[in-house]
Protein backbone atom coordinates (compact mmCIF):
# COMPACT_ATOMS: atom_id res chain seq x y z
CA MET A 1 7.66 -16.88 4.59
CA ASN A 2 5.22 -14.03 3.91
CA LYS A 3 7.60 -11.30 5.07
CA ALA A 4 9.99 -8.90 3.38
CA LEU A 5 12.63 -6.62 4.85
CA ILE A 6 12.81 -3.45 2.75
CA ILE A 7 16.06 -1.47 2.88
CA ILE A 8 15.31 2.04 1.65
CA ASP A 9 18.06 4.27 0.25
CA PHE A 10 20.89 3.11 2.49
CA VAL A 11 23.36 4.38 -0.11
CA ASN A 12 26.60 6.33 -0.04
CA ASP A 13 25.07 9.67 -1.04
CA PHE A 14 22.67 9.49 1.93
CA VAL A 15 24.97 7.87 4.52
CA ALA A 16 28.69 8.44 3.84
CA ASP A 17 30.48 11.52 5.18
CA GLY A 18 31.08 12.77 1.64
CA GLY A 19 27.58 11.93 0.39
CA LYS A 20 25.73 14.53 -1.66
CA LEU A 21 22.71 14.56 0.75
CA THR A 22 24.11 12.71 3.72
CA CYS A 23 22.29 12.04 6.96
CA GLY A 24 25.79 11.57 8.33
CA GLU A 25 26.30 10.20 11.80
CA PRO A 26 22.65 9.25 12.57
CA ALA A 27 22.62 7.00 9.49
CA GLN A 28 26.13 5.66 10.04
CA LYS A 29 25.15 4.65 13.58
CA ILE A 30 22.46 2.24 12.29
CA ASP A 31 24.73 0.45 9.79
CA LYS A 32 25.71 -2.39 12.14
CA ALA A 33 22.15 -2.96 13.39
CA LEU A 34 20.85 -2.94 9.83
CA ALA A 35 23.49 -5.43 8.65
CA GLU A 36 22.66 -7.73 11.57
CA THR A 37 18.93 -7.44 10.84
CA ILE A 38 19.52 -8.34 7.17
CA SER A 39 21.52 -11.43 8.14
CA ARG A 40 18.97 -12.54 10.74
CA PHE A 41 16.00 -11.92 8.44
CA ALA A 42 17.63 -13.78 5.53
CA GLY A 43 18.60 -16.63 7.84
CA ASP A 44 14.93 -16.97 8.81
CA GLY A 45 13.99 -17.34 5.13
CA GLY A 46 12.56 -13.84 4.58
CA PHE A 47 12.87 -11.81 1.43
CA ILE A 48 15.30 -8.89 1.37
CA VAL A 49 14.50 -5.87 -0.79
CA ALA A 50 17.21 -3.31 -1.54
CA ALA A 51 15.55 -0.21 -3.02
CA THR A 52 18.14 2.41 -3.92
CA ASP A 53 17.66 5.95 -5.12
CA CYS A 54 19.19 6.50 -8.56
CA HIS A 55 18.71 9.42 -10.94
CA THR A 56 19.74 10.45 -14.41
CA GLU A 57 22.00 13.47 -14.38
CA ASN A 58 20.19 16.73 -15.25
CA ASP A 59 16.77 15.02 -15.39
CA ILE A 60 14.43 17.98 -15.88
CA TYR A 61 11.40 15.71 -15.34
CA SER A 62 12.36 14.53 -11.87
CA PRO A 63 10.07 15.96 -9.18
CA GLU A 64 13.17 16.39 -7.01
CA ASN A 65 14.72 18.74 -9.58
CA GLY A 66 15.12 22.06 -7.82
CA LEU A 67 14.29 20.62 -4.39
CA PHE A 68 17.65 18.98 -3.81
CA PRO A 69 21.10 19.16 -5.35
CA ALA A 70 22.04 16.38 -7.78
CA HIS A 71 22.46 13.10 -5.89
CA CYS A 72 22.51 9.34 -6.47
CA ILE A 73 23.48 9.78 -10.13
CA ALA A 74 23.37 6.55 -12.16
CA GLY A 75 26.82 5.02 -12.50
CA SER A 76 28.21 6.89 -9.49
CA SER A 77 29.21 5.38 -6.16
CA GLY A 78 26.48 7.53 -4.60
CA CYS A 79 23.88 4.92 -5.67
CA GLU A 80 25.75 2.02 -4.08
CA LEU A 81 24.74 0.49 -0.75
CA TYR A 82 26.82 1.66 2.20
CA GLY A 83 29.19 -0.16 4.54
CA MET A 84 28.30 -3.30 6.48
CA THR A 85 24.81 -3.15 5.02
CA ALA A 86 26.24 -3.56 1.51
CA GLU A 87 28.27 -6.56 2.69
CA ALA A 88 25.24 -8.16 4.35
CA VAL A 89 23.14 -7.76 1.19
CA GLU A 90 25.89 -9.41 -0.88
CA ARG A 91 25.61 -12.51 1.34
CA VAL A 92 21.84 -12.90 0.77
CA ARG A 93 20.90 -15.88 -1.39
CA PRO A 94 19.79 -14.71 -4.87
CA GLU A 95 16.33 -16.30 -4.55
CA GLN A 96 15.70 -14.21 -1.43
CA LEU A 97 16.93 -10.91 -2.85
CA ILE A 98 15.06 -8.23 -4.77
CA ARG A 99 17.22 -5.28 -5.90
CA PHE A 100 16.12 -2.27 -7.90
CA SER A 101 16.66 1.44 -8.37
CA LYS A 102 13.95 4.00 -7.74
CA THR A 103 13.46 7.64 -8.68
CA ARG A 104 10.75 8.66 -6.19
CA TYR A 105 10.59 8.79 -2.41
CA SER A 106 8.48 5.64 -2.06
CA ALA A 107 9.98 2.26 -2.93
CA PHE A 108 6.56 1.41 -4.41
CA ALA A 109 6.25 4.42 -6.76
CA GLY A 110 6.81 3.32 -10.34
CA THR A 111 8.91 0.27 -9.45
CA GLY A 112 6.75 -2.84 -9.62
CA LEU A 113 7.59 -3.63 -5.98
CA ASP A 114 3.97 -4.41 -5.13
CA MET A 115 3.80 -7.02 -7.92
CA MET A 116 7.14 -8.53 -6.89
CA LEU A 117 5.98 -8.89 -3.27
CA ARG A 118 2.57 -10.29 -4.20
CA ALA A 119 4.21 -12.85 -6.52
CA ARG A 120 6.07 -14.07 -3.42
CA ASN A 121 2.91 -14.01 -1.27
CA VAL A 122 4.37 -11.31 0.97
CA THR A 123 1.75 -9.71 3.23
CA GLU A 124 3.99 -8.12 5.86
CA VAL A 125 6.82 -5.63 5.38
CA PHE A 126 9.61 -4.52 7.72
CA LEU A 127 10.96 -1.10 6.78
CA THR A 128 14.50 0.15 7.33
CA GLY A 129 16.79 2.82 5.92
CA VAL A 130 16.89 6.57 5.40
CA CYS A 131 15.43 9.12 5.71
CA THR A 132 12.83 8.12 8.30
CA ASP A 133 10.70 11.18 7.56
CA ILE A 134 11.07 11.15 3.76
CA CYS A 135 11.58 7.92 1.82
CA VAL A 136 10.80 5.51 4.65
CA LEU A 137 7.63 7.47 5.49
CA HIS A 138 6.43 7.61 1.88
CA THR A 139 7.11 3.88 1.47
CA ALA A 140 5.13 3.18 4.66
CA VAL A 141 2.17 5.23 3.45
CA ASP A 142 2.12 3.35 0.15
CA ALA A 143 2.45 0.00 1.95
CA TYR A 144 -0.50 1.00 4.14
CA ASN A 145 -2.61 1.98 1.12
CA LEU A 146 -1.74 -1.34 -0.56
CA GLY A 147 -2.85 -3.32 2.50
CA TYR A 148 0.45 -4.61 3.85
CA LYS A 149 1.04 -5.17 7.54
CA ILE A 150 3.79 -2.69 8.42
CA ASN A 151 6.68 -2.93 10.87
CA ILE A 152 9.45 -0.39 11.40
CA TYR A 153 12.76 -1.38 12.97
CA GLU A 154 13.47 1.75 15.02
CA SER A 155 17.14 0.82 15.38
CA CYS A 156 17.40 0.60 11.57
CA VAL A 157 15.98 3.97 10.47
CA ALA A 158 17.59 7.41 10.64
CA SER A 159 17.28 10.97 9.43
CA PHE A 160 19.30 14.17 9.39
CA ASN A 161 16.26 15.81 11.02
CA GLU A 162 15.56 14.60 14.57
CA ILE A 163 12.17 16.33 14.74
CA GLY A 164 11.12 14.78 11.43
CA HIS A 165 12.46 11.38 12.54
CA ASN A 166 10.39 11.46 15.74
CA PHE A 167 7.30 12.68 13.87
CA ALA A 168 7.61 9.80 11.39
CA LEU A 169 7.98 7.20 14.15
CA ALA A 170 4.80 8.49 15.81
CA HIS A 171 3.01 8.67 12.45
CA PHE A 172 3.91 5.05 11.63
CA LYS A 173 2.36 3.89 14.87
CA ASN A 174 -0.55 6.28 15.40
CA THR A 175 -1.74 6.88 11.85
CA LEU A 176 -0.65 3.83 9.87
CA GLY A 177 -1.05 1.26 12.64
CA ALA A 178 2.51 0.05 12.14
CA ALA A 179 4.44 -1.78 14.80
CA VAL A 180 7.57 0.16 15.75
CA LEU A 181 9.99 -2.52 16.89
C-alpha cells in the first residue's frame, strides 16, 4: 500500500485535561474516531506514523522557547500518546508502524520522515491529530511541498482555536489541494 496515516501530536500534554498546552475537549472528542481510523487503516495494510512532540527541558535553542510554556518534556507522560489512540497504536504490527519524536511543528522538519515514507513507496498521506491550525497545518504544507497527495480526516483533527481550526480546514482544501474527508 502506498498510503500512510500520520498521527500528529496526539499526546497527553496537548489532549489530557491536565496537559501543559491542552486542546481539551475538542481533542478528547476525536480520540475514539482516531483510534477507529488507526485500526481500520492498519487492517487495510497501511503504514501508521506516530509523530509526537518532545522537547529537552530548558532548551534555549528551541524556536518555541518563549512562545509557549514548557511542554512535552522528554521522559514525562506529556510526550506519551493519549487514550484510545495510544491503545490502537500499540496494536499496530511493528512492520506497519513508524514512531518518532519531533521538536518542530511539522512532522517532516528535521525528522527523516520523508525518507522513511519514500523507502516504503508512500505517495499519499492521511493527516490526523492536533492542533489543526499549527502542527497539522505545518505538516500538510511540508507534505505538499514534498509532492505527497494529502488527505485530512476532519473527524480526526482538533484545535483549541475554532477559528484557526476552520481556517486550516479551508486552507488544506483550497490552497494545498487536499481532500478533507
